[in-house]
C-alpha atoms as a PDB file:
ATOM      1  CA  MET A   1      33.850 -64.216  80.447  1.00  0.00           C
ATOM      2  CA  PRO A   2      33.001 -65.892  83.765  1.00  0.00           C
ATOM      3  CA  THR A   3      30.216 -68.426  83.836  1.00  0.00           C
ATOM      4  CA  LEU A   4      26.892 -67.701  85.492  1.00  0.00           C
ATOM      5  CA  GLN A   5      27.810 -70.075  88.315  1.00  0.00           C
ATOM      6  CA  THR A   6      31.056 -68.170  88.957  1.00  0.00           C
ATOM      7  CA  LEU A   7      29.200 -64.855  88.964  1.00  0.00           C
ATOM      8  CA  LEU A   8      26.592 -66.174  91.407  1.00  0.00           C
ATOM      9  CA  LEU A   9      29.296 -67.517  93.726  1.00  0.00           C
ATOM     10  CA  PHE A  10      31.113 -64.189  93.589  1.00  0.00           C
ATOM     11  CA  ALA A  11      27.908 -62.239  94.281  1.00  0.00           C
ATOM     12  CA  THR A  12      27.068 -64.489  97.241  1.00  0.00           C
ATOM     13  CA  ALA A  13      30.548 -64.179  98.728  1.00  0.00           C
ATOM     14  CA  ALA A  14      30.626 -60.419  98.138  1.00  0.00           C
ATOM     15  CA  LEU A  15      27.258 -60.035  99.852  1.00  0.00           C
ATOM     16  CA  ALA A  16      28.419 -62.106 102.824  1.00  0.00           C
ATOM     17  CA  VAL A  17      31.547 -59.992 103.212  1.00  0.00           C
ATOM     18  CA  ALA A  18      29.596 -56.748 102.788  1.00  0.00           C
ATOM     19  CA  VAL A  19      26.997 -57.715 105.406  1.00  0.00           C
ATOM     20  CA  ILE A  20      29.629 -58.387 108.061  1.00  0.00           C
ATOM     21  CA  PRO A  21      30.487 -54.935 109.397  1.00  0.00           C
ATOM     22  CA  GLY A  22      34.145 -54.111 109.239  1.00  0.00           C
ATOM     23  CA  PRO A  23      36.114 -51.083 110.374  1.00  0.00           C
ATOM     24  CA  THR A  24      35.232 -49.062 107.271  1.00  0.00           C
ATOM     25  CA  MET A  25      31.509 -49.627 107.809  1.00  0.00           C
ATOM     26  CA  LEU A  26      31.742 -48.765 111.500  1.00  0.00           C
ATOM     27  CA  LEU A  27      33.598 -45.553 110.690  1.00  0.00           C
ATOM     28  CA  ALA A  28      30.964 -44.695 108.067  1.00  0.00           C
ATOM     29  CA  LEU A  29      28.277 -45.071 110.727  1.00  0.00           C
ATOM     30  CA  ALA A  30      30.245 -42.900 113.148  1.00  0.00           C
ATOM     31  CA  ASN A  31      30.739 -40.232 110.465  1.00  0.00           C
ATOM     32  CA  GLY A  32      27.039 -40.185 109.666  1.00  0.00           C
ATOM     33  CA  MET A  33      25.898 -40.109 113.266  1.00  0.00           C
ATOM     34  CA  GLY A  34      28.462 -37.554 114.349  1.00  0.00           C
ATOM     35  CA  GLY A  35      28.513 -35.216 111.389  1.00  0.00           C
ATOM     36  CA  GLY A  36      25.428 -35.745 109.309  1.00  0.00           C
ATOM     37  CA  LEU A  37      25.037 -36.553 105.639  1.00  0.00           C
ATOM     38  CA  ARG A  38      27.732 -34.194 104.360  1.00  0.00           C
ATOM     39  CA  ARG A  39      30.426 -35.655 106.616  1.00  0.00           C
ATOM     40  CA  ALA A  40      29.216 -39.171 105.832  1.00  0.00           C
ATOM     41  CA  ALA A  41      29.505 -38.416 102.105  1.00  0.00           C
ATOM     42  CA  TRP A  42      33.106 -37.263 102.566  1.00  0.00           C
ATOM     43  CA  GLY A  43      33.797 -40.447 104.507  1.00  0.00           C
ATOM     44  CA  MET A  44      32.204 -42.602 101.815  1.00  0.00           C
ATOM     45  CA  ALA A  45      34.370 -40.868  99.216  1.00  0.00           C
ATOM     46  CA  GLY A  46      37.474 -41.734 101.247  1.00  0.00           C
ATOM     47  CA  ALA A  47      36.355 -45.334 101.723  1.00  0.00           C
ATOM     48  CA  ASN A  48      35.645 -45.707  98.006  1.00  0.00           C
ATOM     49  CA  LEU A  49      38.998 -44.166  97.082  1.00  0.00           C
ATOM     50  CA  GLY A  50      40.717 -46.550  99.486  1.00  0.00           C
ATOM     51  CA  SER A  51      38.841 -49.552  98.111  1.00  0.00           C
ATOM     52  CA  ALA A  52      39.651 -48.540  94.534  1.00  0.00           C
ATOM     53  CA  THR A  53      43.315 -48.232  95.506  1.00  0.00           C
ATOM     54  CA  VAL A  54      43.309 -51.670  97.144  1.00  0.00           C
ATOM     55  CA  ILE A  55      41.646 -53.154  94.051  1.00  0.00           C
ATOM     56  CA  ALA A  56      44.259 -51.532  91.814  1.00  0.00           C
ATOM     57  CA  VAL A  57      47.105 -52.787  94.009  1.00  0.00           C
ATOM     58  CA  VAL A  58      45.719 -56.315  93.963  1.00  0.00           C
ATOM     59  CA  ALA A  59      45.127 -56.102  90.220  1.00  0.00           C
ATOM     60  CA  VAL A  60      48.778 -55.323  89.528  1.00  0.00           C
ATOM     61  CA  GLY A  61      49.993 -58.149  91.718  1.00  0.00           C
ATOM     62  CA  LEU A  62      51.078 -56.463  94.929  1.00  0.00           C
ATOM     63  CA  GLY A  63      48.313 -58.254  96.770  1.00  0.00           C
ATOM     64  CA  SER A  64      50.007 -61.566  96.011  1.00  0.00           C
ATOM     65  CA  LEU A  65      53.296 -60.146  97.263  1.00  0.00           C
ATOM     66  CA  MET A  66      51.690 -59.083 100.522  1.00  0.00           C
ATOM     67  CA  LEU A  67      50.017 -62.461 100.936  1.00  0.00           C
ATOM     68  CA  ALA A  68      53.338 -64.205 100.266  1.00  0.00           C
ATOM     69  CA  SER A  69      55.241 -61.992 102.715  1.00  0.00           C
ATOM     70  CA  ALA A  70      54.002 -62.595 106.235  1.00  0.00           C
ATOM     71  CA  TRP A  71      55.936 -59.689 107.754  1.00  0.00           C
ATOM     72  CA  LEU A  72      54.554 -57.209 105.205  1.00  0.00           C
ATOM     73  CA  PHE A  73      51.014 -58.434 105.811  1.00  0.00           C
ATOM     74  CA  GLU A  74      51.528 -58.177 109.567  1.00  0.00           C
ATOM     75  CA  ALA A  75      52.921 -54.654 109.129  1.00  0.00           C
ATOM     76  CA  VAL A  76      49.753 -53.606 107.291  1.00  0.00           C
ATOM     77  CA  ARG A  77      47.635 -55.282 109.958  1.00  0.00           C
ATOM     78  CA  ALA A  78      49.584 -53.563 112.748  1.00  0.00           C
ATOM     79  CA  ALA A  79      49.247 -50.199 110.988  1.00  0.00           C
ATOM     80  CA  GLY A  80      45.515 -50.805 110.746  1.00  0.00           C
ATOM     81  CA  VAL A  81      45.237 -51.687 114.435  1.00  0.00           C
ATOM     82  CA  LEU A  82      47.226 -48.629 115.505  1.00  0.00           C
ATOM     83  CA  TYR A  83      45.167 -46.376 113.261  1.00  0.00           C
ATOM     84  CA  LEU A  84      41.892 -47.795 114.585  1.00  0.00           C
ATOM     85  CA  LEU A  85      43.073 -47.345 118.164  1.00  0.00           C
ATOM     86  CA  TRP A  86      44.003 -43.730 117.387  1.00  0.00           C
ATOM     87  CA  LEU A  87      40.536 -43.203 115.875  1.00  0.00           C
ATOM     88  CA  ALA A  88      38.912 -44.744 118.957  1.00  0.00           C
ATOM     89  CA  VAL A  89      40.808 -42.388 121.263  1.00  0.00           C
ATOM     90  CA  GLN A  90      39.865 -39.403 119.081  1.00  0.00           C
ATOM     91  CA  LEU A  91      36.186 -40.411 119.109  1.00  0.00           C
ATOM     92  CA  TRP A  92      36.274 -41.020 122.873  1.00  0.00           C
ATOM     93  CA  ARG A  93      37.785 -37.590 123.556  1.00  0.00           C
ATOM     94  CA  ALA A  94      35.526 -35.712 121.141  1.00  0.00           C
ATOM     95  CA  PRO A  95      32.955 -33.487 122.819  1.00  0.00           C
ATOM     96  CA  VAL A  96      29.329 -34.465 122.516  1.00  0.00           C
ATOM     97  CA  THR A  97      27.457 -32.019 120.302  1.00  0.00           C
ATOM     98  CA  ASP A  98      23.792 -31.482 119.671  1.00  0.00           C
ATOM     99  CA  LEU A  99      23.353 -32.237 115.979  1.00  0.00           C
ATOM    100  CA  ARG A 100      20.119 -30.265 115.838  1.00  0.00           C
ATOM    101  CA  ALA A 101      22.010 -27.112 116.783  1.00  0.00           C
ATOM    102  CA  THR A 102      24.524 -27.361 113.932  1.00  0.00           C
ATOM    103  CA  LEU A 103      23.839 -25.453 110.751  1.00  0.00           C
ATOM    104  CA  PRO A 104      24.819 -26.608 107.246  1.00  0.00           C
ATOM    105  CA  GLY A 105      26.816 -23.430 106.591  1.00  0.00           C
ATOM    106  CA  VAL A 106      28.957 -23.461 109.717  1.00  0.00           C
ATOM    107  CA  ALA A 107      32.561 -22.447 109.046  1.00  0.00           C
ATOM    108  CA  GLY A 108      34.988 -25.324 109.343  1.00  0.00           C
ATOM    109  CA  ARG A 109      32.518 -27.878 108.025  1.00  0.00           C
ATOM    110  CA  ALA A 110      34.810 -28.644 105.060  1.00  0.00           C
ATOM    111  CA  VAL A 111      37.670 -29.382 107.456  1.00  0.00           C
ATOM    112  CA  GLN A 112      35.492 -31.953 109.196  1.00  0.00           C
ATOM    113  CA  GLY A 113      34.634 -33.381 105.784  1.00  0.00           C
ATOM    114  CA  ARG A 114      38.276 -33.625 104.764  1.00  0.00           C
ATOM    115  CA  ALA A 115      39.070 -35.268 108.093  1.00  0.00           C
ATOM    116  CA  ALA A 116      36.302 -37.818 107.481  1.00  0.00           C
ATOM    117  CA  LEU A 117      37.683 -38.471 103.995  1.00  0.00           C
ATOM    118  CA  LEU A 118      41.227 -38.991 105.279  1.00  0.00           C
ATOM    119  CA  ARG A 119      40.111 -41.199 108.170  1.00  0.00           C
ATOM    120  CA  SER A 120      38.003 -43.387 105.900  1.00  0.00           C
ATOM    121  CA  LEU A 121      40.802 -43.544 103.341  1.00  0.00           C
ATOM    122  CA  GLY A 122      43.247 -44.644 106.036  1.00  0.00           C
ATOM    123  CA  VAL A 123      40.922 -47.330 107.354  1.00  0.00           C
ATOM    124  CA  ALA A 124      40.164 -48.658 103.859  1.00  0.00           C
ATOM    125  CA  LEU A 125      43.850 -48.767 102.895  1.00  0.00           C
ATOM    126  CA  THR A 126      44.904 -50.608 106.062  1.00  0.00           C
ATOM    127  CA  ASN A 127      42.027 -53.086 106.184  1.00  0.00           C
ATOM    128  CA  PRO A 128      43.515 -56.573 105.686  1.00  0.00           C
ATOM    129  CA  LYS A 129      40.016 -58.032 105.204  1.00  0.00           C
ATOM    130  CA  ALA A 130      39.596 -55.994 102.022  1.00  0.00           C
ATOM    131  CA  LEU A 131      43.024 -57.039 100.764  1.00  0.00           C
ATOM    132  CA  LEU A 132      42.267 -60.712 101.368  1.00  0.00           C
ATOM    133  CA  PHE A 133      38.844 -60.450  99.784  1.00  0.00           C
ATOM    134  CA  PHE A 134      40.041 -58.768  96.610  1.00  0.00           C
ATOM    135  CA  ALA A 135      43.140 -60.983  96.372  1.00  0.00           C
ATOM    136  CA  ALA A 136      40.950 -64.070  96.653  1.00  0.00           C
ATOM    137  CA  PHE A 137      38.140 -63.093  94.313  1.00  0.00           C
ATOM    138  CA  LEU A 138      39.554 -60.821  91.624  1.00  0.00           C
ATOM    139  CA  PRO A 139      41.637 -63.622  90.072  1.00  0.00           C
ATOM    140  CA  GLN A 140      38.392 -65.503  89.403  1.00  0.00           C
ATOM    141  CA  PHE A 141      37.547 -62.863  86.828  1.00  0.00           C
ATOM    142  CA  VAL A 142      40.949 -62.722  85.137  1.00  0.00           C
ATOM    143  CA  ASP A 143      41.526 -64.737  81.989  1.00  0.00           C
ATOM    144  CA  PRO A 144      45.160 -65.939  82.056  1.00  0.00           C
ATOM    145  CA  ALA A 145      45.135 -66.207  78.269  1.00  0.00           C
ATOM    146  CA  ARG A 146      44.559 -62.451  77.992  1.00  0.00           C
ATOM    147  CA  PRO A 147      47.298 -60.161  79.301  1.00  0.00           C
END
């Protein structure tokens, strides 16, 4: 069990990282502003699924492999940059809609939700900041004596 000091340090670092907006947070804001609560919820589900996947990958040791392999880390970073640029172009080209005119039961709403989920999942999976954070802090809570 970690000490109270370790837990407080982890909580402070986690809060600092969470306060600094990253690509996942910016996409969550765009989903909420552009599609309302339902689309934002789909996006949050994708971001959480992506974060859980990154945590699982780090927990089984692939995070260390990626940190040890510069080219693999750069490939993930490049994939993230390309994906974010693609998202930026898609957002730039999207028509402006009056949110007050949209109805909750409009056909095709689920497609927008699935798109928000997939976009958020992609951003969360290719975010090197999340990989570095979890790779740096999760080992603090692992007892090497226990497999």
